[in-house]
């Protein structure tokens, strides 16, 4: 069992999630139940799955939750690109968020490989 609160990927993904909430608060009201909701749910899923997986008794189970984490991260990436296409976020905002997200993806992938 891992202590999720000590994991850098969990800490970074919490900060990233807060960034997503901040950026989506500027989205059009008409997107409240659309892209805003999707982005928020997917970003919350990243640290949540790390936390849930860390409670599992085997590395194999934890690794499965990290795979779900990666799926959520790629979902967020796609949604951010769509938000950019729709001009809900600027190129600078997109680049900053993608940089943070790619760091989380790399850290998660590397950590997952140590569990095998």
PDB file of N, CA and C in Angstrom:
ATOM      1  N   UNK A   1       0.840  -1.177   0.000  1.00  0.00           N
ATOM      2  CA  UNK A   1       0.000   0.000   0.000  1.00  0.00           C
ATOM      3  C   UNK A   1       0.890   1.247   0.000  1.00  0.00           C
ATOM      4  N   UNK A   2       0.521   2.195  -0.830  1.00  0.00           N
ATOM      5  CA  UNK A   2       1.279   3.441  -0.954  1.00  0.00           C
ATOM      6  C   UNK A   2       0.522   4.571  -0.267  1.00  0.00           C
ATOM      7  N   UNK A   3       1.255   5.522   0.241  1.00  0.00           N
ATOM      8  CA  UNK A   3       0.637   6.710   0.843  1.00  0.00           C
ATOM      9  C   UNK A   3       0.464   7.753  -0.257  1.00  0.00           C
ATOM     10  N   UNK A   4      -0.749   7.847  -0.775  1.00  0.00           N
ATOM     11  CA  UNK A   4      -0.989   8.705  -1.940  1.00  0.00           C
ATOM     12  C   UNK A   4      -0.651  10.168  -1.677  1.00  0.00           C
ATOM     13  N   UNK A   5      -0.819  10.618  -0.439  1.00  0.00           N
ATOM     14  CA  UNK A   5      -0.536  12.030  -0.144  1.00  0.00           C
ATOM     15  C   UNK A   5       0.953  12.356  -0.246  1.00  0.00           C
ATOM     16  N   UNK A   6       1.800  11.330  -0.255  1.00  0.00           N
ATOM     17  CA  UNK A   6       3.241  11.527  -0.411  1.00  0.00           C
ATOM     18  C   UNK A   6       3.685  11.467  -1.871  1.00  0.00           C
ATOM     19  N   UNK A   7       2.795  11.057  -2.762  1.00  0.00           N
ATOM     20  CA  UNK A   7       3.161  10.888  -4.170  1.00  0.00           C
ATOM     21  C   UNK A   7       3.118  12.217  -4.921  1.00  0.00           C
ATOM     22  N   UNK A   8       4.219  12.539  -5.592  1.00  0.00           N
ATOM     23  CA  UNK A   8       4.301  13.786  -6.364  1.00  0.00           C
ATOM     24  C   UNK A   8       3.243  13.849  -7.461  1.00  0.00           C
ATOM     25  N   UNK A   9       2.952  12.711  -8.087  1.00  0.00           N
ATOM     26  CA  UNK A   9       1.946  12.734  -9.158  1.00  0.00           C
ATOM     27  C   UNK A   9       0.574  13.107  -8.604  1.00  0.00           C
ATOM     28  N   UNK A  10       0.274  12.672  -7.398  1.00  0.00           N
ATOM     29  CA  UNK A  10      -0.998  13.032  -6.783  1.00  0.00           C
ATOM     30  C   UNK A  10      -1.026  14.527  -6.468  1.00  0.00           C
ATOM     31  N   UNK A  11       0.070  15.032  -5.905  1.00  0.00           N
ATOM     32  CA  UNK A  11       0.153  16.459  -5.565  1.00  0.00           C
ATOM     33  C   UNK A  11       0.020  17.325  -6.826  1.00  0.00           C
ATOM     34  N   UNK A  12       0.767  16.957  -7.872  1.00  0.00           N
ATOM     35  CA  UNK A  12       0.730  17.740  -9.117  1.00  0.00           C
ATOM     36  C   UNK A  12      -0.642  17.677  -9.775  1.00  0.00           C
ATOM     37  N   UNK A  13      -1.269  16.510  -9.691  1.00  0.00           N
ATOM     38  CA  UNK A  13      -2.565  16.367 -10.348  1.00  0.00           C
ATOM     39  C   UNK A  13      -3.654  17.139  -9.604  1.00  0.00           C
ATOM     40  N   UNK A  14      -3.510  17.309  -8.304  1.00  0.00           N
ATOM     41  CA  UNK A  14      -4.444  18.153  -7.546  1.00  0.00           C
ATOM     42  C   UNK A  14      -4.310  19.619  -7.973  1.00  0.00           C
ATOM     43  N   UNK A  15      -3.085  20.083  -8.102  1.00  0.00           N
ATOM     44  CA  UNK A  15      -2.841  21.456  -8.549  1.00  0.00           C
ATOM     45  C   UNK A  15      -3.397  21.639  -9.961  1.00  0.00           C
ATOM     46  N   UNK A  16      -3.151  20.651 -10.813  1.00  0.00           N
ATOM     47  CA  UNK A  16      -3.648  20.711 -12.194  1.00  0.00           C
ATOM     48  C   UNK A  16      -5.179  20.781 -12.208  1.00  0.00           C
ATOM     49  N   UNK A  17      -5.805  19.990 -11.384  1.00  0.00           N
ATOM     50  CA  UNK A  17      -7.268  19.980 -11.292  1.00  0.00           C
ATOM     51  C   UNK A  17      -7.784  21.373 -10.915  1.00  0.00           C
ATOM     52  N   UNK A  18      -7.117  22.016  -9.985  1.00  0.00           N
ATOM     53  CA  UNK A  18      -7.495  23.374  -9.601  1.00  0.00           C
ATOM     54  C   UNK A  18      -7.357  24.333 -10.778  1.00  0.00           C
ATOM     55  N   UNK A  19      -6.313  24.137 -11.579  1.00  0.00           N
ATOM     56  CA  UNK A  19      -6.122  24.972 -12.777  1.00  0.00           C
ATOM     57  C   UNK A  19      -7.282  24.784 -13.753  1.00  0.00           C
ATOM     58  N   UNK A  20      -7.722  23.557 -13.903  1.00  0.00           N
ATOM     59  CA  UNK A  20      -8.843  23.267 -14.803  1.00  0.00           C
ATOM     60  C   UNK A  20     -10.112  23.955 -14.312  1.00  0.00           C
ATOM     61  N   UNK A  21     -10.347  23.890 -13.017  1.00  0.00           N
ATOM     62  CA  UNK A  21     -11.528  24.576 -12.472  1.00  0.00           C
ATOM     63  C   UNK A  21     -11.447  26.078 -12.728  1.00  0.00           C
ATOM     64  N   UNK A  22     -10.269  26.639 -12.556  1.00  0.00           N
ATOM     65  CA  UNK A  22     -10.098  28.068 -12.797  1.00  0.00           C
ATOM     66  C   UNK A  22     -10.357  28.450 -14.237  1.00  0.00           C
ATOM     67  N   UNK A  23      -9.797  27.682 -15.146  1.00  0.00           N
ATOM     68  CA  UNK A  23      -9.930  28.017 -16.570  1.00  0.00           C
ATOM     69  C   UNK A  23     -11.362  27.790 -17.050  1.00  0.00           C
ATOM     70  N   UNK A  24     -12.013  26.736 -16.575  1.00  0.00           N
ATOM     71  CA  UNK A  24     -13.373  26.453 -17.038  1.00  0.00           C
ATOM     72  C   UNK A  24     -14.399  27.417 -16.448  1.00  0.00           C
ATOM     73  N   UNK A  25     -14.031  28.105 -15.372  1.00  0.00           N
ATOM     74  CA  UNK A  25     -14.960  29.092 -14.805  1.00  0.00           C
ATOM     75  C   UNK A  25     -15.171  30.258 -15.775  1.00  0.00           C
ATOM     76  N   UNK A  26     -14.287  30.390 -16.754  1.00  0.00           N
ATOM     77  CA  UNK A  26     -14.389  31.458 -17.758  1.00  0.00           C
ATOM     78  C   UNK A  26     -15.111  31.000 -19.033  1.00  0.00           C
ATOM     79  N   UNK A  27     -15.456  29.714 -19.099  1.00  0.00           N
ATOM     80  CA  UNK A  27     -16.144  29.198 -20.281  1.00  0.00           C
ATOM     81  C   UNK A  27     -17.551  29.800 -20.346  1.00  0.00           C
ATOM     82  N   UNK A  28     -18.155  29.810 -21.535  1.00  0.00           N
ATOM     83  CA  UNK A  28     -19.522  30.320 -21.663  1.00  0.00           C
ATOM     84  C   UNK A  28     -20.497  29.537 -20.769  1.00  0.00           C
ATOM     85  N   UNK A  29     -21.496  30.231 -20.270  1.00  0.00           N
ATOM     86  CA  UNK A  29     -22.513  29.607 -19.414  1.00  0.00           C
ATOM     87  C   UNK A  29     -23.189  28.435 -20.129  1.00  0.00           C
ATOM     88  N   UNK A  30     -23.303  28.533 -21.443  1.00  0.00           N
ATOM     89  CA  UNK A  30     -23.944  27.461 -22.222  1.00  0.00           C
ATOM     90  C   UNK A  30     -23.153  26.156 -22.176  1.00  0.00           C
ATOM     91  N   UNK A  31     -21.900  26.219 -21.747  1.00  0.00           N
ATOM     92  CA  UNK A  31     -21.058  25.022 -21.658  1.00  0.00           C
ATOM     93  C   UNK A  31     -21.037  24.416 -20.248  1.00  0.00           C
ATOM     94  N   UNK A  32     -21.839  24.982 -19.342  1.00  0.00           N
ATOM     95  CA  UNK A  32     -21.841  24.521 -17.951  1.00  0.00           C
ATOM     96  C   UNK A  32     -22.042  23.008 -17.850  1.00  0.00           C
ATOM     97  N   UNK A  33     -22.949  22.467 -18.638  1.00  0.00           N
ATOM     98  CA  UNK A  33     -23.228  21.032 -18.576  1.00  0.00           C
ATOM     99  C   UNK A  33     -22.583  20.273 -19.729  1.00  0.00           C
ATOM    100  N   UNK A  34     -21.749  20.962 -20.469  1.00  0.00           N
ATOM    101  CA  UNK A  34     -21.056  20.346 -21.596  1.00  0.00           C
ATOM    102  C   UNK A  34     -19.578  20.195 -21.304  1.00  0.00           C
ATOM    103  N   UNK A  35     -18.784  20.937 -22.025  1.00  0.00           N
ATOM    104  CA  UNK A  35     -17.332  20.828 -21.934  1.00  0.00           C
ATOM    105  C   UNK A  35     -16.792  21.173 -20.547  1.00  0.00           C
ATOM    106  N   UNK A  36     -17.403  22.153 -19.895  1.00  0.00           N
ATOM    107  CA  UNK A  36     -16.963  22.516 -18.539  1.00  0.00           C
ATOM    108  C   UNK A  36     -17.081  21.319 -17.613  1.00  0.00           C
ATOM    109  N   UNK A  37     -18.246  20.691 -17.612  1.00  0.00           N
ATOM    110  CA  UNK A  37     -18.487  19.528 -16.756  1.00  0.00           C
ATOM    111  C   UNK A  37     -17.559  18.371 -17.110  1.00  0.00           C
ATOM    112  N   UNK A  38     -17.394  18.117 -18.392  1.00  0.00           N
ATOM    113  CA  UNK A  38     -16.533  17.014 -18.837  1.00  0.00           C
ATOM    114  C   UNK A  38     -15.085  17.211 -18.395  1.00  0.00           C
ATOM    115  N   UNK A  39     -14.575  18.418 -18.599  1.00  0.00           N
ATOM    116  CA  UNK A  39     -13.189  18.719 -18.223  1.00  0.00           C
ATOM    117  C   UNK A  39     -12.990  18.597 -16.714  1.00  0.00           C
ATOM    118  N   UNK A  40     -13.924  19.103 -15.967  1.00  0.00           N
ATOM    119  CA  UNK A  40     -13.809  19.040 -14.508  1.00  0.00           C
ATOM    120  C   UNK A  40     -13.855  17.603 -14.007  1.00  0.00           C
ATOM    121  N   UNK A  41     -14.783  16.832 -14.518  1.00  0.00           N
ATOM    122  CA  UNK A  41     -14.913  15.433 -14.075  1.00  0.00           C
ATOM    123  C   UNK A  41     -13.663  14.624 -14.435  1.00  0.00           C
ATOM    124  N   UNK A  42     -13.167  14.807 -15.642  1.00  0.00           N
ATOM    125  CA  UNK A  42     -11.984  14.061 -16.076  1.00  0.00           C
ATOM    126  C   UNK A  42     -10.748  14.485 -15.282  1.00  0.00           C
ATOM    127  N   UNK A  43     -10.629  15.777 -14.988  1.00  0.00           N
ATOM    128  CA  UNK A  43      -9.460  16.226 -14.223  1.00  0.00           C
ATOM    129  C   UNK A  43      -9.522  15.763 -12.779  1.00  0.00           C
ATOM    130  N   UNK A  44     -10.712  15.702 -12.201  1.00  0.00           N
ATOM    131  CA  UNK A  44     -10.874  15.181 -10.843  1.00  0.00           C
ATOM    132  C   UNK A  44     -10.544  13.688 -10.801  1.00  0.00           C
ATOM    133  N   UNK A  45     -10.818  13.013 -11.885  1.00  0.00           N
ATOM    134  CA  UNK A  45     -10.553  11.574 -11.972  1.00  0.00           C
ATOM    135  C   UNK A  45      -9.061  11.242 -11.853  1.00  0.00           C
ATOM    136  N   UNK A  46      -8.200  12.155 -12.261  1.00  0.00           N
ATOM    137  CA  UNK A  46      -6.756  11.886 -12.244  1.00  0.00           C
ATOM    138  C   UNK A  46      -6.252  11.674 -10.816  1.00  0.00           C
ATOM    139  N   UNK A  47      -6.348  12.656  -9.916  1.00  0.00           N
ATOM    140  CA  UNK A  47      -5.865  12.402  -8.552  1.00  0.00           C
ATOM    141  C   UNK A  47      -6.724  11.385  -7.804  1.00  0.00           C
ATOM    142  N   UNK A  48      -8.009  11.314  -8.149  1.00  0.00           N
ATOM    143  CA  UNK A  48      -8.898  10.367  -7.462  1.00  0.00           C
ATOM    144  C   UNK A  48      -8.486   8.924  -7.719  1.00  0.00           C
ATOM    145  N   UNK A  49      -8.136   8.611  -8.962  1.00  0.00           N
ATOM    146  CA  UNK A  49      -7.724   7.243  -9.274  1.00  0.00           C
ATOM    147  C   UNK A  49      -6.359   6.901  -8.690  1.00  0.00           C
ATOM    148  N   UNK A  50      -5.495   7.890  -8.593  1.00  0.00           N
ATOM    149  CA  UNK A  50      -4.206   7.656  -7.927  1.00  0.00           C
ATOM    150  C   UNK A  50      -4.457   7.319  -6.464  1.00  0.00           C
ATOM    151  N   UNK A  51      -5.325   8.084  -5.821  1.00  0.00           N
ATOM    152  CA  UNK A  51      -5.635   7.842  -4.406  1.00  0.00           C
ATOM    153  C   UNK A  51      -6.296   6.478  -4.217  1.00  0.00           C
ATOM    154  N   UNK A  52      -7.286   6.185  -5.039  1.00  0.00           N
ATOM    155  CA  UNK A  52      -7.982   4.902  -4.891  1.00  0.00           C
ATOM    156  C   UNK A  52      -7.051   3.731  -5.159  1.00  0.00           C
ATOM    157  N   UNK A  53      -6.247   3.838  -6.197  1.00  0.00           N
ATOM    158  CA  UNK A  53      -5.317   2.762  -6.520  1.00  0.00           C
ATOM    159  C   UNK A  53      -4.293   2.518  -5.431  1.00  0.00           C
ATOM    160  N   UNK A  54      -3.894   3.588  -4.761  1.00  0.00           N
ATOM    161  CA  UNK A  54      -2.875   3.443  -3.715  1.00  0.00           C
ATOM    162  C   UNK A  54      -3.374   2.622  -2.535  1.00  0.00           C
ATOM    163  N   UNK A  55      -4.682   2.501  -2.394  1.00  0.00           N
ATOM    164  CA  UNK A  55      -5.238   1.741  -1.274  1.00  0.00           C
ATOM    165  C   UNK A  55      -5.289   0.245  -1.552  1.00  0.00           C
ATOM    166  N   UNK A  56      -5.010  -0.133  -2.769  1.00  0.00           N
ATOM    167  CA  UNK A  56      -5.085  -1.552  -3.149  1.00  0.00           C
ATOM    168  C   UNK A  56      -3.921  -2.330  -2.559  1.00  0.00           C
ATOM    169  N   UNK A  57      -4.149  -3.606  -2.386  1.00  0.00           N
ATOM    170  CA  UNK A  57      -3.157  -4.448  -1.722  1.00  0.00           C
ATOM    171  C   UNK A  57      -2.067  -4.964  -2.646  1.00  0.00           C
ATOM    172  N   UNK A  58      -2.251  -4.819  -3.937  1.00  0.00           N
ATOM    173  CA  UNK A  58      -1.218  -5.325  -4.841  1.00  0.00           C
ATOM    174  C   UNK A  58      -0.799  -4.239  -5.836  1.00  0.00           C
ATOM    175  N   UNK A  59       0.424  -4.351  -6.282  1.00  0.00           N
ATOM    176  CA  UNK A  59       0.926  -3.427  -7.304  1.00  0.00           C
ATOM    177  C   UNK A  59       0.162  -3.580  -8.612  1.00  0.00           C
ATOM    178  N   UNK A  60      -0.296  -4.805  -8.885  1.00  0.00           N
ATOM    179  CA  UNK A  60      -1.055  -5.050 -10.109  1.00  0.00           C
ATOM    180  C   UNK A  60      -2.354  -4.243 -10.098  1.00  0.00           C
ATOM    181  N   UNK A  61      -3.033  -4.231  -8.961  1.00  0.00           N
ATOM    182  CA  UNK A  61      -4.264  -3.445  -8.843  1.00  0.00           C
ATOM    183  C   UNK A  61      -3.970  -1.948  -8.954  1.00  0.00           C
ATOM    184  N   UNK A  62      -2.933  -1.513  -8.278  1.00  0.00           N
ATOM    185  CA  UNK A  62      -2.563  -0.096  -8.336  1.00  0.00           C
ATOM    186  C   UNK A  62      -2.227   0.297  -9.772  1.00  0.00           C
ATOM    187  N   UNK A  63      -1.522  -0.567 -10.460  1.00  0.00           N
ATOM    188  CA  UNK A  63      -1.151  -0.304 -11.847  1.00  0.00           C
ATOM    189  C   UNK A  63      -2.390  -0.131 -12.722  1.00  0.00           C
ATOM    190  N   UNK A  64      -3.425  -0.906 -12.457  1.00  0.00           N
ATOM    191  CA  UNK A  64      -4.671  -0.787 -13.216  1.00  0.00           C
ATOM    192  C   UNK A  64      -5.300   0.594 -13.000  1.00  0.00           C
ATOM    193  N   UNK A  65      -5.277   1.080 -11.769  1.00  0.00           N
ATOM    194  CA  UNK A  65      -5.814   2.409 -11.494  1.00  0.00           C
ATOM    195  C   UNK A  65      -4.966   3.506 -12.137  1.00  0.00           C
ATOM    196  N   UNK A  66      -3.670   3.288 -12.211  1.00  0.00           N
ATOM    197  CA  UNK A  66      -2.813   4.264 -12.889  1.00  0.00           C
ATOM    198  C   UNK A  66      -3.104   4.286 -14.391  1.00  0.00           C
ATOM    199  N   UNK A  67      -3.487   3.136 -14.930  1.00  0.00           N
ATOM    200  CA  UNK A  67      -3.874   3.091 -16.346  1.00  0.00           C
ATOM    201  C   UNK A  67      -5.144   3.909 -16.565  1.00  0.00           C
ATOM    202  N   UNK A  68      -6.079   3.815 -15.637  1.00  0.00           N
ATOM    203  CA  UNK A  68      -7.301   4.625 -15.709  1.00  0.00           C
ATOM    204  C   UNK A  68      -6.948   6.107 -15.594  1.00  0.00           C
ATOM    205  N   UNK A  69      -5.996   6.415 -14.714  1.00  0.00           N
ATOM    206  CA  UNK A  69      -5.506   7.792 -14.562  1.00  0.00           C
ATOM    207  C   UNK A  69      -4.997   8.326 -15.894  1.00  0.00           C
ATOM    208  N   UNK A  70      -4.214   7.513 -16.582  1.00  0.00           N
ATOM    209  CA  UNK A  70      -3.680   7.935 -17.878  1.00  0.00           C
ATOM    210  C   UNK A  70      -4.802   8.151 -18.892  1.00  0.00           C
ATOM    211  N   UNK A  71      -5.812   7.291 -18.865  1.00  0.00           N
ATOM    212  CA  UNK A  71      -6.954   7.465 -19.757  1.00  0.00           C
ATOM    213  C   UNK A  71      -7.647   8.796 -19.505  1.00  0.00           C
ATOM    214  N   UNK A  72      -7.823   9.130 -18.248  1.00  0.00           N
ATOM    215  CA  UNK A  72      -8.444  10.410 -17.890  1.00  0.00           C
ATOM    216  C   UNK A  72      -7.581  11.582 -18.348  1.00  0.00           C
ATOM    217  N   UNK A  73      -6.281  11.437 -18.222  1.00  0.00           N
ATOM    218  CA  UNK A  73      -5.368  12.502 -18.646  1.00  0.00           C
ATOM    219  C   UNK A  73      -5.472  12.748 -20.148  1.00  0.00           C
ATOM    220  N   UNK A  74      -5.552  11.678 -20.924  1.00  0.00           N
ATOM    221  CA  UNK A  74      -5.682  11.847 -22.376  1.00  0.00           C
ATOM    222  C   UNK A  74      -7.064  12.390 -22.754  1.00  0.00           C
ATOM    223  N   UNK A  75      -8.064  12.051 -21.945  1.00  0.00           N
ATOM    224  CA  UNK A  75      -9.392  12.627 -22.146  1.00  0.00           C
ATOM    225  C   UNK A  75      -9.333  14.146 -21.929  1.00  0.00           C
ATOM    226  N   UNK A  76      -8.670  14.570 -20.858  1.00  0.00           N
ATOM    227  CA  UNK A  76      -8.511  16.004 -20.580  1.00  0.00           C
ATOM    228  C   UNK A  76      -7.761  16.689 -21.717  1.00  0.00           C
ATOM    229  N   UNK A  77      -6.709  16.044 -22.205  1.00  0.00           N
ATOM    230  CA  UNK A  77      -5.942  16.647 -23.305  1.00  0.00           C
ATOM    231  C   UNK A  77      -6.835  16.898 -24.512  1.00  0.00           C
ATOM    232  N   UNK A  78      -7.629  15.919 -24.874  1.00  0.00           N
ATOM    233  CA  UNK A  78      -8.539  16.064 -26.010  1.00  0.00           C
ATOM    234  C   UNK A  78      -9.535  17.192 -25.780  1.00  0.00           C
ATOM    235  N   UNK A  79     -10.089  17.249 -24.584  1.00  0.00           N
ATOM    236  CA  UNK A  79     -11.072  18.282 -24.262  1.00  0.00           C
ATOM    237  C   UNK A  79     -10.448  19.674 -24.259  1.00  0.00           C
ATOM    238  N   UNK A  80      -9.210  19.775 -23.813  1.00  0.00           N
ATOM    239  CA  UNK A  80      -8.517  21.064 -23.867  1.00  0.00           C
ATOM    240  C   UNK A  80      -8.290  21.514 -25.306  1.00  0.00           C
ATOM    241  N   UNK A  81      -7.937  20.581 -26.161  1.00  0.00           N
ATOM    242  CA  UNK A  81      -7.746  20.910 -27.574  1.00  0.00           C
ATOM    243  C   UNK A  81      -9.056  21.381 -28.204  1.00  0.00           C
ATOM    244  N   UNK A  82     -10.154  20.727 -27.836  1.00  0.00           N
ATOM    245  CA  UNK A  82     -11.463  21.147 -28.337  1.00  0.00           C
ATOM    246  C   UNK A  82     -11.809  22.542 -27.811  1.00  0.00           C
ATOM    247  N   UNK A  83     -11.536  22.779 -26.526  1.00  0.00           N
ATOM    248  CA  UNK A  83     -11.786  24.102 -25.936  1.00  0.00           C
ATOM    249  C   UNK A  83     -10.990  25.185 -26.676  1.00  0.00           C
ATOM    250  N   UNK A  84      -9.779  24.837 -27.062  1.00  0.00           N
ATOM    251  CA  UNK A  84      -8.953  25.768 -27.832  1.00  0.00           C
ATOM    252  C   UNK A  84      -9.546  25.990 -29.224  1.00  0.00           C
ATOM    253  N   UNK A  85      -9.974  24.900 -29.863  1.00  0.00           N
ATOM    254  CA  UNK A  85     -10.608  25.008 -31.183  1.00  0.00           C
ATOM    255  C   UNK A  85     -11.824  25.934 -31.147  1.00  0.00           C
ATOM    256  N   UNK A  86     -12.528  25.922 -30.021  1.00  0.00           N
ATOM    257  CA  UNK A  86     -13.741  26.726 -29.864  1.00  0.00           C
ATOM    258  C   UNK A  86     -13.439  28.130 -29.321  1.00  0.00           C
ATOM    259  N   UNK A  87     -12.142  28.416 -29.170  1.00  0.00           N
ATOM    260  CA  UNK A  87     -11.680  29.718 -28.652  1.00  0.00           C
ATOM    261  C   UNK A  87     -12.152  30.014 -27.229  1.00  0.00           C
ATOM    262  N   UNK A  88     -12.312  28.949 -26.426  1.00  0.00           N
ATOM    263  CA  UNK A  88     -12.648  29.126 -25.016  1.00  0.00           C
ATOM    264  C   UNK A  88     -11.392  29.399 -24.195  1.00  0.00           C
ATOM    265  N   UNK A  89     -10.250  28.957 -24.720  1.00  0.00           N
ATOM    266  CA  UNK A  89      -8.967  29.213 -24.061  1.00  0.00           C
ATOM    267  C   UNK A  89      -7.966  29.693 -25.106  1.00  0.00           C
ATOM    268  N   UNK A  90      -7.024  30.486 -24.643  1.00  0.00           N
ATOM    269  CA  UNK A  90      -6.005  31.019 -25.550  1.00  0.00           C
ATOM    270  C   UNK A  90      -4.922  29.969 -25.814  1.00  0.00           C
ATOM    271  N   UNK A  91      -4.137  30.237 -26.808  1.00  0.00           N
ATOM    272  CA  UNK A  91      -3.000  29.359 -27.144  1.00  0.00           C
ATOM    273  C   UNK A  91      -2.037  29.278 -25.962  1.00  0.00           C
ATOM    274  N   UNK A  92      -1.806  30.395 -25.298  1.00  0.00           N
ATOM    275  CA  UNK A  92      -0.893  30.430 -24.145  1.00  0.00           C
ATOM    276  C   UNK A  92      -1.434  29.591 -22.994  1.00  0.00           C
ATOM    277  N   UNK A  93      -2.733  29.712 -22.731  1.00  0.00           N
ATOM    278  CA  UNK A  93      -3.354  28.915 -21.669  1.00  0.00           C
ATOM    279  C   UNK A  93      -3.275  27.427 -22.009  1.00  0.00           C
ATOM    280  N   UNK A  94      -3.573  27.108 -23.264  1.00  0.00           N
ATOM    281  CA  UNK A  94      -3.513  25.724 -23.717  1.00  0.00           C
ATOM    282  C   UNK A  94      -2.109  25.161 -23.541  1.00  0.00           C
ATOM    283  N   UNK A  95      -1.110  25.893 -23.992  1.00  0.00           N
ATOM    284  CA  UNK A  95       0.275  25.424 -23.896  1.00  0.00           C
ATOM    285  C   UNK A  95       0.686  25.173 -22.446  1.00  0.00           C
ATOM    286  N   UNK A  96       0.306  26.076 -21.563  1.00  0.00           N
ATOM    287  CA  UNK A  96       0.643  25.938 -20.142  1.00  0.00           C
ATOM    288  C   UNK A  96      -0.016  24.697 -19.542  1.00  0.00           C
ATOM    289  N   UNK A  97      -1.302  24.516 -19.827  1.00  0.00           N
ATOM    290  CA  UNK A  97      -2.027  23.364 -19.292  1.00  0.00           C
ATOM    291  C   UNK A  97      -1.492  22.045 -19.856  1.00  0.00           C
ATOM    292  N   UNK A  98      -1.186  22.039 -21.149  1.00  0.00           N
ATOM    293  CA  UNK A  98      -0.659  20.813 -21.763  1.00  0.00           C
ATOM    294  C   UNK A  98       0.724  20.467 -21.219  1.00  0.00           C
ATOM    295  N   UNK A  99       1.513  21.469 -20.913  1.00  0.00           N
ATOM    296  CA  UNK A  99       2.822  21.235 -20.312  1.00  0.00           C
ATOM    297  C   UNK A  99       2.664  20.565 -18.942  1.00  0.00           C
ATOM    298  N   UNK A 100       1.776  21.102 -18.127  1.00  0.00           N
ATOM    299  CA  UNK A 100       1.499  20.506 -16.807  1.00  0.00           C
ATOM    300  C   UNK A 100       0.974  19.083 -16.958  1.00  0.00           C
ATOM    301  N   UNK A 101       0.030  18.903 -17.869  1.00  0.00           N
ATOM    302  CA  UNK A 101      -0.583  17.599 -18.066  1.00  0.00           C
ATOM    303  C   UNK A 101       0.424  16.579 -18.572  1.00  0.00           C
ATOM    304  N   UNK A 102       1.265  16.971 -19.517  1.00  0.00           N
ATOM    305  CA  UNK A 102       2.266  16.031 -20.037  1.00  0.00           C
ATOM    306  C   UNK A 102       3.265  15.619 -18.965  1.00  0.00           C
ATOM    307  N   UNK A 103       3.565  16.507 -18.054  1.00  0.00           N
ATOM    308  CA  UNK A 103       4.432  16.161 -16.928  1.00  0.00           C
ATOM    309  C   UNK A 103       3.770  15.096 -16.055  1.00  0.00           C
ATOM    310  N   UNK A 104       2.485  15.252 -15.797  1.00  0.00           N
ATOM    311  CA  UNK A 104       1.736  14.277 -14.997  1.00  0.00           C
ATOM    312  C   UNK A 104       1.678  12.935 -15.721  1.00  0.00           C
ATOM    313  N   UNK A 105       1.450  12.967 -17.020  1.00  0.00           N
ATOM    314  CA  UNK A 105       1.393  11.731 -17.816  1.00  0.00           C
ATOM    315  C   UNK A 105       2.728  10.992 -17.752  1.00  0.00           C
ATOM    316  N   UNK A 106       3.813  11.714 -17.950  1.00  0.00           N
ATOM    317  CA  UNK A 106       5.140  11.089 -17.912  1.00  0.00           C
ATOM    318  C   UNK A 106       5.440  10.504 -16.537  1.00  0.00           C
ATOM    319  N   UNK A 107       5.149  11.267 -15.491  1.00  0.00           N
ATOM    320  CA  UNK A 107       5.401  10.791 -14.133  1.00  0.00           C
ATOM    321  C   UNK A 107       4.558   9.553 -13.824  1.00  0.00           C
ATOM    322  N   UNK A 108       3.309   9.570 -14.249  1.00  0.00           N
ATOM    323  CA  UNK A 108       2.418   8.434 -14.007  1.00  0.00           C
ATOM    324  C   UNK A 108       2.898   7.198 -14.753  1.00  0.00           C
ATOM    325  N   UNK A 109       3.270   7.393 -16.004  1.00  0.00           N
ATOM    326  CA  UNK A 109       3.771   6.256 -16.810  1.00  0.00           C
ATOM    327  C   UNK A 109       5.023   5.654 -16.205  1.00  0.00           C
ATOM    328  N   UNK A 110       5.931   6.517 -15.782  1.00  0.00           N
ATOM    329  CA  UNK A 110       7.178   6.029 -15.188  1.00  0.00           C
ATOM    330  C   UNK A 110       6.898   5.306 -13.884  1.00  0.00           C
ATOM    331  N   UNK A 111       6.049   5.885 -13.035  1.00  0.00           N
ATOM    332  CA  UNK A 111       5.695   5.244 -11.775  1.00  0.00           C
ATOM    333  C   UNK A 111       5.021   3.904 -12.009  1.00  0.00           C
ATOM    334  N   UNK A 112       4.106   3.862 -12.984  1.00  0.00           N
ATOM    335  CA  UNK A 112       3.405   2.626 -13.320  1.00  0.00           C
ATOM    336  C   UNK A 112       4.398   1.539 -13.726  1.00  0.00           C
ATOM    337  N   UNK A 113       5.428   1.911 -14.469  1.00  0.00           N
ATOM    338  CA  UNK A 113       6.405   0.909 -14.926  1.00  0.00           C
ATOM    339  C   UNK A 113       7.214   0.338 -13.761  1.00  0.00           C
ATOM    340  N   UNK A 114       7.320   1.071 -12.665  1.00  0.00           N
ATOM    341  CA  UNK A 114       8.061   0.555 -11.501  1.00  0.00           C
ATOM    342  C   UNK A 114       7.230  -0.449 -10.705  1.00  0.00           C
ATOM    343  N   UNK A 115       5.923  -0.477 -10.951  1.00  0.00           N
ATOM    344  CA  UNK A 115       5.044  -1.383 -10.208  1.00  0.00           C
ATOM    345  C   UNK A 115       4.967  -2.765 -10.832  1.00  0.00           C
ATOM    346  N   UNK A 116       5.371  -2.880 -12.071  1.00  0.00           N
ATOM    347  CA  UNK A 116       5.261  -4.169 -12.792  1.00  0.00           C
ATOM    348  C   UNK A 116       6.190  -5.220 -12.248  1.00  0.00           C
TER     349      UNK A 116
END
